[in-house]
Amino acid sequence: MLAERLRSVRFRLALALGVAFAPVLALSVFQALANYEADARHRREDMIDGAERSAAFARSRLAAALVVLRAPGTVTSTAGCRDTLSDLHSDLGGAERLIIYNAAGEAQCAMGSAGPIPAVGAADWFKALKAGAPQVVIVAPFGPTRTPSLLA
């Protein structure tokens, strides 16, 4: 019975089709693998490029923040304060407002417009500075325009 099935026309035709289509199937598998690897490589390169762009943006923002941290030490008068903050405000495109506070927590000088100037005498970060902390850096809560601020 098995011998009769092996000699049938249907079996021989199916065997001939299988042999004929085997190279096409093998080539399809190899092409699919090659395309998958190329897509994975391209995706990896895109992710690396995106990470490098993000890192460059973060470095520039940190450099700008360092400039902001160093600038108040050079201010000796209210006029100098406004000039310094005006220069910093134009250099820092994303900053809405820059404020320098005195030792009592009152705004000594401000540049930019984002509503009323908050008093910070009761803020935890200000209390830490007043208690002798050399420096405190926090991300301020969202302001009126829903963009965070860096307080240093």
N, C-alpha and C. Protein backbone atom coordinates (compact mmCIF):
# COMPACT_ATOMS: atom_id res chain seq x y z
N MET A 1 0.80 -1.17 0.00
CA MET A 1 0.00 0.00 0.00
C MET A 1 0.86 1.26 0.00
N LEU A 2 1.91 1.33 0.82
CA LEU A 2 2.81 2.46 0.82
C LEU A 2 3.55 2.55 -0.50
N ALA A 3 3.91 1.42 -1.03
CA ALA A 3 4.61 1.40 -2.32
C ALA A 3 3.72 1.94 -3.41
N GLU A 4 2.45 1.64 -3.35
CA GLU A 4 1.51 2.16 -4.36
C GLU A 4 1.40 3.68 -4.25
N ARG A 5 1.38 4.21 -3.04
CA ARG A 5 1.29 5.67 -2.87
C ARG A 5 2.55 6.35 -3.38
N LEU A 6 3.71 5.74 -3.16
CA LEU A 6 4.96 6.35 -3.62
C LEU A 6 5.05 6.37 -5.14
N ARG A 7 4.36 5.44 -5.83
CA ARG A 7 4.37 5.40 -7.29
C ARG A 7 3.27 6.23 -7.91
N SER A 8 2.39 6.81 -7.13
CA SER A 8 1.26 7.55 -7.70
C SER A 8 1.74 8.85 -8.35
N VAL A 9 0.94 9.33 -9.26
CA VAL A 9 1.25 10.56 -10.00
C VAL A 9 1.21 11.76 -9.04
N ARG A 10 0.28 11.76 -8.14
CA ARG A 10 0.18 12.87 -7.19
C ARG A 10 1.43 13.00 -6.33
N PHE A 11 1.93 11.88 -5.85
CA PHE A 11 3.12 11.91 -5.01
C PHE A 11 4.31 12.43 -5.79
N ARG A 12 4.49 11.89 -7.02
CA ARG A 12 5.63 12.32 -7.83
C ARG A 12 5.52 13.81 -8.19
N LEU A 13 4.33 14.27 -8.48
CA LEU A 13 4.12 15.69 -8.79
C LEU A 13 4.42 16.57 -7.58
N ALA A 14 3.96 16.17 -6.39
CA ALA A 14 4.23 16.92 -5.17
C ALA A 14 5.72 16.94 -4.87
N LEU A 15 6.40 15.81 -5.09
CA LEU A 15 7.84 15.73 -4.87
C LEU A 15 8.59 16.64 -5.85
N ALA A 16 8.17 16.64 -7.11
CA ALA A 16 8.81 17.50 -8.11
C ALA A 16 8.60 18.98 -7.77
N LEU A 17 7.39 19.36 -7.32
CA LEU A 17 7.13 20.74 -6.93
C LEU A 17 7.96 21.14 -5.70
N GLY A 18 8.07 20.23 -4.75
CA GLY A 18 8.87 20.50 -3.56
C GLY A 18 10.33 20.73 -3.89
N VAL A 19 10.87 19.90 -4.77
CA VAL A 19 12.27 20.05 -5.18
C VAL A 19 12.45 21.36 -5.96
N ALA A 20 11.47 21.69 -6.82
CA ALA A 20 11.57 22.89 -7.63
C ALA A 20 11.48 24.16 -6.78
N PHE A 21 10.62 24.16 -5.74
CA PHE A 21 10.44 25.35 -4.93
C PHE A 21 11.40 25.45 -3.74
N ALA A 22 12.18 24.44 -3.45
CA ALA A 22 13.11 24.46 -2.32
C ALA A 22 14.13 25.60 -2.43
N PRO A 23 14.76 25.82 -3.61
CA PRO A 23 15.70 26.95 -3.69
C PRO A 23 15.02 28.31 -3.48
N VAL A 24 13.80 28.45 -4.00
CA VAL A 24 13.07 29.71 -3.82
C VAL A 24 12.79 29.93 -2.34
N LEU A 25 12.36 28.89 -1.64
CA LEU A 25 12.10 29.00 -0.21
C LEU A 25 13.38 29.34 0.55
N ALA A 26 14.48 28.68 0.21
CA ALA A 26 15.75 28.95 0.88
C ALA A 26 16.19 30.40 0.64
N LEU A 27 16.08 30.89 -0.59
CA LEU A 27 16.44 32.28 -0.88
C LEU A 27 15.55 33.26 -0.12
N SER A 28 14.28 32.95 0.00
CA SER A 28 13.35 33.81 0.74
C SER A 28 13.75 33.90 2.20
N VAL A 29 14.15 32.77 2.77
CA VAL A 29 14.58 32.76 4.18
C VAL A 29 15.84 33.61 4.35
N PHE A 30 16.82 33.43 3.48
CA PHE A 30 18.07 34.21 3.58
C PHE A 30 17.81 35.70 3.38
N GLN A 31 16.94 36.05 2.44
CA GLN A 31 16.62 37.45 2.21
C GLN A 31 15.90 38.06 3.42
N ALA A 32 15.01 37.33 4.02
CA ALA A 32 14.30 37.82 5.21
C ALA A 32 15.28 38.05 6.36
N LEU A 33 16.22 37.13 6.54
CA LEU A 33 17.23 37.30 7.60
C LEU A 33 18.11 38.52 7.33
N ALA A 34 18.52 38.69 6.07
CA ALA A 34 19.36 39.84 5.72
C ALA A 34 18.61 41.15 5.95
N ASN A 35 17.34 41.20 5.57
CA ASN A 35 16.54 42.41 5.78
C ASN A 35 16.35 42.69 7.26
N TYR A 36 16.14 41.66 8.05
CA TYR A 36 15.97 41.83 9.49
C TYR A 36 17.24 42.41 10.11
N GLU A 37 18.40 41.87 9.73
CA GLU A 37 19.66 42.37 10.27
C GLU A 37 19.92 43.80 9.84
N ALA A 38 19.61 44.14 8.58
CA ALA A 38 19.80 45.52 8.11
C ALA A 38 18.88 46.48 8.87
N ASP A 39 17.63 46.08 9.09
CA ASP A 39 16.70 46.92 9.85
C ASP A 39 17.18 47.09 11.29
N ALA A 40 17.65 46.03 11.89
CA ALA A 40 18.14 46.11 13.27
C ALA A 40 19.36 47.03 13.35
N ARG A 41 20.26 46.94 12.39
CA ARG A 41 21.44 47.81 12.36
C ARG A 41 21.02 49.27 12.20
N HIS A 42 20.07 49.52 11.28
CA HIS A 42 19.59 50.88 11.04
C HIS A 42 18.90 51.43 12.29
N ARG A 43 18.11 50.61 12.97
CA ARG A 43 17.44 51.02 14.20
C ARG A 43 18.46 51.35 15.29
N ARG A 44 19.50 50.52 15.41
CA ARG A 44 20.56 50.77 16.39
C ARG A 44 21.26 52.10 16.12
N GLU A 45 21.58 52.35 14.83
CA GLU A 45 22.24 53.61 14.48
C GLU A 45 21.35 54.81 14.77
N ASP A 46 20.06 54.68 14.49
CA ASP A 46 19.12 55.77 14.79
C ASP A 46 19.05 56.03 16.29
N MET A 47 19.05 54.97 17.08
CA MET A 47 18.98 55.13 18.53
C MET A 47 20.26 55.77 19.06
N ILE A 48 21.40 55.39 18.51
CA ILE A 48 22.67 55.99 18.93
C ILE A 48 22.69 57.47 18.56
N ASP A 49 22.24 57.81 17.35
CA ASP A 49 22.19 59.21 16.94
C ASP A 49 21.27 60.02 17.85
N GLY A 50 20.12 59.45 18.18
CA GLY A 50 19.20 60.15 19.07
C GLY A 50 19.80 60.35 20.46
N ALA A 51 20.48 59.34 20.95
CA ALA A 51 21.11 59.45 22.27
C ALA A 51 22.22 60.51 22.25
N GLU A 52 22.98 60.57 21.16
CA GLU A 52 24.03 61.58 21.05
C GLU A 52 23.44 62.98 20.99
N ARG A 53 22.33 63.15 20.26
CA ARG A 53 21.68 64.46 20.20
C ARG A 53 21.15 64.85 21.58
N SER A 54 20.54 63.90 22.27
CA SER A 54 20.02 64.18 23.62
C SER A 54 21.15 64.54 24.57
N ALA A 55 22.26 63.82 24.48
CA ALA A 55 23.40 64.11 25.34
C ALA A 55 23.98 65.49 25.04
N ALA A 56 24.06 65.85 23.76
CA ALA A 56 24.57 67.17 23.39
C ALA A 56 23.65 68.27 23.93
N PHE A 57 22.34 68.05 23.83
CA PHE A 57 21.39 69.03 24.35
C PHE A 57 21.55 69.15 25.87
N ALA A 58 21.67 68.02 26.55
CA ALA A 58 21.83 68.04 28.01
C ALA A 58 23.13 68.74 28.40
N ARG A 59 24.21 68.47 27.65
CA ARG A 59 25.49 69.14 27.94
C ARG A 59 25.36 70.65 27.77
N SER A 60 24.66 71.08 26.72
CA SER A 60 24.52 72.52 26.51
C SER A 60 23.68 73.15 27.62
N ARG A 61 22.62 72.47 28.06
CA ARG A 61 21.81 72.99 29.15
C ARG A 61 22.60 73.04 30.46
N LEU A 62 23.44 72.01 30.70
CA LEU A 62 24.27 72.03 31.90
C LEU A 62 25.30 73.15 31.85
N ALA A 63 25.89 73.37 30.67
CA ALA A 63 26.84 74.47 30.52
C ALA A 63 26.16 75.80 30.78
N ALA A 64 24.94 75.95 30.28
CA ALA A 64 24.19 77.18 30.52
C ALA A 64 23.86 77.33 32.01
N ALA A 65 23.52 76.22 32.65
CA ALA A 65 23.22 76.28 34.09
C ALA A 65 24.45 76.67 34.89
N LEU A 66 25.62 76.18 34.48
CA LEU A 66 26.86 76.56 35.16
C LEU A 66 27.13 78.06 35.00
N VAL A 67 26.84 78.59 33.83
CA VAL A 67 27.00 80.03 33.63
C VAL A 67 26.07 80.78 34.56
N VAL A 68 24.84 80.30 34.68
CA VAL A 68 23.87 80.95 35.58
C VAL A 68 24.35 80.87 37.02
N LEU A 69 24.92 79.74 37.40
CA LEU A 69 25.39 79.59 38.79
C LEU A 69 26.57 80.51 39.09
N ARG A 70 27.40 80.78 38.10
CA ARG A 70 28.58 81.62 38.32
C ARG A 70 28.26 83.10 38.19
N ALA A 71 27.24 83.47 37.44
CA ALA A 71 26.96 84.87 37.15
C ALA A 71 26.61 85.72 38.36
N PRO A 72 25.78 85.26 39.29
CA PRO A 72 25.41 86.14 40.41
C PRO A 72 26.59 86.61 41.25
N GLY A 73 27.67 85.83 41.29
CA GLY A 73 28.84 86.23 42.06
C GLY A 73 29.54 87.45 41.48
N THR A 74 29.31 87.75 40.22
CA THR A 74 29.98 88.90 39.59
C THR A 74 29.14 90.16 39.68
N VAL A 75 27.93 90.06 40.18
CA VAL A 75 27.03 91.22 40.24
C VAL A 75 27.33 92.02 41.50
N THR A 76 27.54 93.35 41.32
CA THR A 76 27.82 94.19 42.48
C THR A 76 26.74 95.23 42.72
N SER A 77 25.91 95.51 41.73
CA SER A 77 24.86 96.52 41.91
C SER A 77 23.59 96.04 41.21
N THR A 78 22.49 96.76 41.48
CA THR A 78 21.22 96.40 40.85
C THR A 78 21.30 96.57 39.34
N ALA A 79 21.97 97.63 38.87
CA ALA A 79 22.11 97.84 37.43
C ALA A 79 22.93 96.71 36.82
N GLY A 80 24.00 96.32 37.48
CA GLY A 80 24.82 95.21 36.99
C GLY A 80 24.04 93.91 37.01
N CYS A 81 23.18 93.77 38.00
CA CYS A 81 22.34 92.58 38.11
C CYS A 81 21.42 92.48 36.90
N ARG A 82 20.76 93.57 36.57
CA ARG A 82 19.84 93.55 35.44
C ARG A 82 20.58 93.28 34.13
N ASP A 83 21.74 93.88 33.97
CA ASP A 83 22.52 93.64 32.74
C ASP A 83 22.95 92.18 32.64
N THR A 84 23.44 91.64 33.74
CA THR A 84 23.90 90.25 33.76
C THR A 84 22.74 89.30 33.47
N LEU A 85 21.63 89.51 34.15
CA LEU A 85 20.47 88.63 33.93
C LEU A 85 19.90 88.80 32.53
N SER A 86 19.94 90.01 32.00
CA SER A 86 19.47 90.24 30.62
C SER A 86 20.31 89.44 29.64
N ASP A 87 21.65 89.47 29.82
CA ASP A 87 22.54 88.69 28.95
C ASP A 87 22.27 87.20 29.09
N LEU A 88 22.13 86.74 30.33
CA LEU A 88 21.87 85.32 30.57
C LEU A 88 20.52 84.91 30.00
N HIS A 89 19.52 85.77 30.16
CA HIS A 89 18.18 85.46 29.67
C HIS A 89 18.18 85.30 28.16
N SER A 90 18.94 86.13 27.46
CA SER A 90 19.00 86.00 26.00
C SER A 90 19.81 84.77 25.60
N ASP A 91 20.84 84.41 26.38
CA ASP A 91 21.65 83.22 26.06
C ASP A 91 20.89 81.93 26.32
N LEU A 92 20.06 81.92 27.36
CA LEU A 92 19.30 80.72 27.73
C LEU A 92 17.92 80.82 27.09
N GLY A 93 17.79 80.34 25.90
CA GLY A 93 16.54 80.45 25.16
C GLY A 93 15.35 79.84 25.88
N GLY A 94 15.53 78.80 26.67
CA GLY A 94 14.40 78.12 27.28
C GLY A 94 13.99 78.69 28.62
N ALA A 95 14.75 79.64 29.17
CA ALA A 95 14.44 80.17 30.50
C ALA A 95 13.37 81.24 30.40
N GLU A 96 12.34 81.12 31.23
CA GLU A 96 11.29 82.13 31.27
C GLU A 96 11.70 83.31 32.12
N ARG A 97 12.40 83.00 33.21
CA ARG A 97 12.73 84.04 34.16
C ARG A 97 13.98 83.66 34.93
N LEU A 98 14.76 84.67 35.24
CA LEU A 98 15.92 84.50 36.11
C LEU A 98 15.76 85.46 37.29
N ILE A 99 16.01 84.95 38.49
CA ILE A 99 15.83 85.76 39.70
C ILE A 99 17.04 85.55 40.60
N ILE A 100 17.55 86.64 41.15
CA ILE A 100 18.60 86.56 42.18
C ILE A 100 17.96 86.99 43.49
N TYR A 101 18.11 86.13 44.52
CA TYR A 101 17.55 86.41 45.84
C TYR A 101 18.64 86.86 46.78
N ASN A 102 18.28 87.71 47.74
CA ASN A 102 19.25 88.14 48.75
C ASN A 102 19.23 87.15 49.92
N ALA A 103 19.98 87.46 50.96
CA ALA A 103 20.10 86.54 52.09
C ALA A 103 18.80 86.37 52.87
N ALA A 104 17.88 87.31 52.73
CA ALA A 104 16.60 87.21 53.44
C ALA A 104 15.56 86.43 52.64
N GLY A 105 15.89 86.04 51.41
CA GLY A 105 14.95 85.30 50.59
C GLY A 105 14.05 86.19 49.76
N GLU A 106 14.40 87.45 49.67
CA GLU A 106 13.63 88.39 48.85
C GLU A 106 14.32 88.55 47.51
N ALA A 107 13.53 88.78 46.48
CA ALA A 107 14.10 88.95 45.14
C ALA A 107 14.90 90.25 45.09
N GLN A 108 16.18 90.12 44.74
CA GLN A 108 17.05 91.28 44.62
C GLN A 108 16.97 91.83 43.20
N CYS A 109 16.83 90.92 42.23
CA CYS A 109 16.81 91.31 40.83
C CYS A 109 16.13 90.20 40.04
N ALA A 110 15.37 90.57 39.01
CA ALA A 110 14.67 89.56 38.20
C ALA A 110 14.66 90.00 36.75
N MET A 111 14.65 89.02 35.86
CA MET A 111 14.57 89.29 34.43
C MET A 111 13.63 88.26 33.82
N GLY A 112 12.72 88.70 32.98
CA GLY A 112 11.76 87.82 32.36
C GLY A 112 10.38 88.09 32.92
N SER A 113 9.39 87.54 32.29
CA SER A 113 8.02 87.79 32.77
C SER A 113 7.28 86.48 32.86
N ALA A 114 6.99 86.06 34.06
CA ALA A 114 6.21 84.83 34.27
C ALA A 114 5.35 84.97 35.52
N GLY A 115 4.73 86.13 35.68
CA GLY A 115 3.87 86.31 36.83
C GLY A 115 4.60 86.96 37.99
N PRO A 116 3.99 86.95 39.16
CA PRO A 116 4.61 87.60 40.32
C PRO A 116 5.87 86.86 40.77
N ILE A 117 6.77 87.62 41.37
CA ILE A 117 8.03 87.03 41.87
C ILE A 117 7.74 86.38 43.21
N PRO A 118 8.02 85.08 43.33
CA PRO A 118 7.72 84.40 44.59
C PRO A 118 8.74 84.72 45.68
N ALA A 119 8.29 84.80 46.92
CA ALA A 119 9.19 84.91 48.07
C ALA A 119 9.63 83.51 48.44
N VAL A 120 10.89 83.35 48.75
CA VAL A 120 11.41 82.00 48.98
C VAL A 120 11.93 81.79 50.39
N GLY A 121 11.71 82.75 51.27
CA GLY A 121 12.25 82.64 52.62
C GLY A 121 11.80 81.40 53.36
N ALA A 122 10.62 80.86 53.05
CA ALA A 122 10.10 79.68 53.75
C ALA A 122 10.37 78.38 52.99
N ALA A 123 10.96 78.45 51.82
CA ALA A 123 11.21 77.25 51.01
C ALA A 123 12.31 76.39 51.63
N ASP A 124 12.17 75.08 51.50
CA ASP A 124 13.16 74.15 52.09
C ASP A 124 14.56 74.37 51.51
N TRP A 125 14.64 74.59 50.20
CA TRP A 125 15.96 74.77 49.60
C TRP A 125 16.62 76.05 50.10
N PHE A 126 15.82 77.09 50.36
CA PHE A 126 16.39 78.34 50.86
C PHE A 126 16.85 78.17 52.30
N LYS A 127 16.06 77.44 53.09
CA LYS A 127 16.45 77.18 54.48
C LYS A 127 17.76 76.39 54.55
N ALA A 128 17.93 75.44 53.59
CA ALA A 128 19.18 74.66 53.55
C ALA A 128 20.36 75.57 53.25
N LEU A 129 20.18 76.50 52.32
CA LEU A 129 21.26 77.44 52.02
C LEU A 129 21.56 78.34 53.22
N LYS A 130 20.52 78.80 53.87
CA LYS A 130 20.69 79.68 55.02
C LYS A 130 21.38 78.95 56.18
N ALA A 131 21.13 77.63 56.27
CA ALA A 131 21.75 76.84 57.33
C ALA A 131 23.21 76.52 57.03
N GLY A 132 23.69 76.88 55.84
CA GLY A 132 25.11 76.69 55.55
C GLY A 132 25.42 75.73 54.42
N ALA A 133 24.42 75.19 53.76
CA ALA A 133 24.70 74.31 52.62
C ALA A 133 25.42 75.14 51.54
N PRO A 134 26.50 74.60 50.97
CA PRO A 134 27.24 75.40 49.98
C PRO A 134 26.45 75.65 48.70
N GLN A 135 25.55 74.73 48.38
CA GLN A 135 24.81 74.86 47.13
C GLN A 135 23.62 73.91 47.15
N VAL A 136 22.51 74.33 46.58
CA VAL A 136 21.32 73.50 46.48
C VAL A 136 20.78 73.66 45.07
N VAL A 137 20.55 72.55 44.39
CA VAL A 137 19.98 72.59 43.04
C VAL A 137 18.72 71.75 43.04
N ILE A 138 17.61 72.34 42.60
CA ILE A 138 16.34 71.62 42.53
C ILE A 138 15.67 71.96 41.21
N VAL A 139 14.74 71.12 40.81
CA VAL A 139 13.87 71.46 39.68
C VAL A 139 12.61 72.05 40.28
N ALA A 140 12.34 73.28 39.92
CA ALA A 140 11.19 73.98 40.50
C ALA A 140 9.91 73.39 39.95
N PRO A 141 8.84 73.52 40.68
CA PRO A 141 7.55 73.05 40.17
C PRO A 141 7.16 73.83 38.93
N PHE A 142 6.22 73.28 38.19
CA PHE A 142 5.79 73.92 36.96
C PHE A 142 5.22 75.30 37.24
N GLY A 143 5.56 76.22 36.37
CA GLY A 143 5.05 77.59 36.47
C GLY A 143 3.79 77.75 35.63
N PRO A 144 3.42 79.00 35.35
CA PRO A 144 2.18 79.26 34.60
C PRO A 144 2.19 78.68 33.19
N THR A 145 3.39 78.53 32.61
CA THR A 145 3.45 78.01 31.24
C THR A 145 3.74 76.52 31.19
N ARG A 146 3.68 75.85 32.34
CA ARG A 146 3.87 74.39 32.43
C ARG A 146 5.27 73.94 32.04
N THR A 147 6.29 74.80 32.20
CA THR A 147 7.66 74.39 31.93
C THR A 147 8.44 74.45 33.25
N PRO A 148 9.23 73.40 33.55
CA PRO A 148 9.96 73.40 34.81
C PRO A 148 11.09 74.41 34.77
N SER A 149 11.52 74.84 35.94
CA SER A 149 12.63 75.78 36.07
C SER A 149 13.73 75.12 36.86
N LEU A 150 14.95 75.58 36.66
CA LEU A 150 16.09 75.09 37.43
C LEU A 150 16.42 76.14 38.45
N LEU A 151 16.40 75.78 39.72
CA LEU A 151 16.81 76.68 40.78
C LEU A 151 18.14 76.19 41.29
N ALA A 152 19.08 77.10 41.38
CA ALA A 152 20.41 76.73 41.85
C ALA A 152 20.92 77.75 42.82
